[in-house]
Amino acid sequence: AKRFKPRDMRGEWFTNDG
């Protein structure tokens, strides 16, 4: 899984298992 910070959110990190 890679962590990335979407520009739409601020301070929120998401994990992409896809």
N, C-alpha and C. Protein backbone atom coordinates (compact mmCIF):
# COMPACT_ATOMS: atom_id res chain seq x y z
N ALA A 1 0.84 -1.20 0.00
CA ALA A 1 0.00 0.00 0.00
C ALA A 1 0.87 1.25 0.00
N LYS A 2 0.47 2.20 -0.80
CA LYS A 2 1.25 3.45 -0.87
C LYS A 2 0.46 4.59 -0.24
N ARG A 3 1.15 5.41 0.55
CA ARG A 3 0.47 6.53 1.18
C ARG A 3 0.59 7.77 0.30
N PHE A 4 -0.49 8.48 0.15
CA PHE A 4 -0.44 9.70 -0.63
C PHE A 4 -1.40 10.72 -0.05
N LYS A 5 -1.05 11.99 -0.15
CA LYS A 5 -1.92 13.04 0.38
C LYS A 5 -2.66 13.73 -0.76
N PRO A 6 -3.95 13.45 -0.88
CA PRO A 6 -4.76 14.05 -1.93
C PRO A 6 -4.88 15.56 -1.75
N ARG A 7 -4.94 16.26 -2.86
CA ARG A 7 -4.99 17.71 -2.81
C ARG A 7 -6.36 18.20 -2.32
N ASP A 8 -7.37 17.30 -2.44
CA ASP A 8 -8.71 17.70 -2.03
C ASP A 8 -8.82 17.78 -0.51
N MET A 9 -8.03 16.95 0.17
CA MET A 9 -8.08 16.96 1.62
C MET A 9 -6.81 17.62 2.16
N ARG A 10 -6.89 18.09 3.39
CA ARG A 10 -5.72 18.72 3.99
C ARG A 10 -5.36 18.01 5.29
N GLY A 11 -4.14 17.48 5.32
CA GLY A 11 -3.70 16.78 6.52
C GLY A 11 -4.24 15.38 6.62
N GLU A 12 -4.95 14.94 5.58
CA GLU A 12 -5.52 13.59 5.62
C GLU A 12 -4.73 12.66 4.71
N TRP A 13 -4.25 11.56 5.26
CA TRP A 13 -3.48 10.61 4.47
C TRP A 13 -4.32 9.38 4.17
N PHE A 14 -4.23 8.92 2.93
CA PHE A 14 -4.99 7.74 2.53
C PHE A 14 -4.06 6.65 2.05
N THR A 15 -4.53 5.41 2.11
CA THR A 15 -3.71 4.29 1.64
C THR A 15 -4.37 3.67 0.43
N ASN A 16 -3.58 3.43 -0.60
CA ASN A 16 -4.11 2.86 -1.83
C ASN A 16 -3.66 1.42 -1.97
N ASP A 17 -4.57 0.50 -1.76
CA ASP A 17 -4.24 -0.92 -1.88
C ASP A 17 -4.43 -1.40 -3.31
N GLY A 18 -5.01 -0.53 -4.12
CA GLY A 18 -5.38 -0.92 -5.46
C GLY A 18 -4.22 -1.19 -6.35
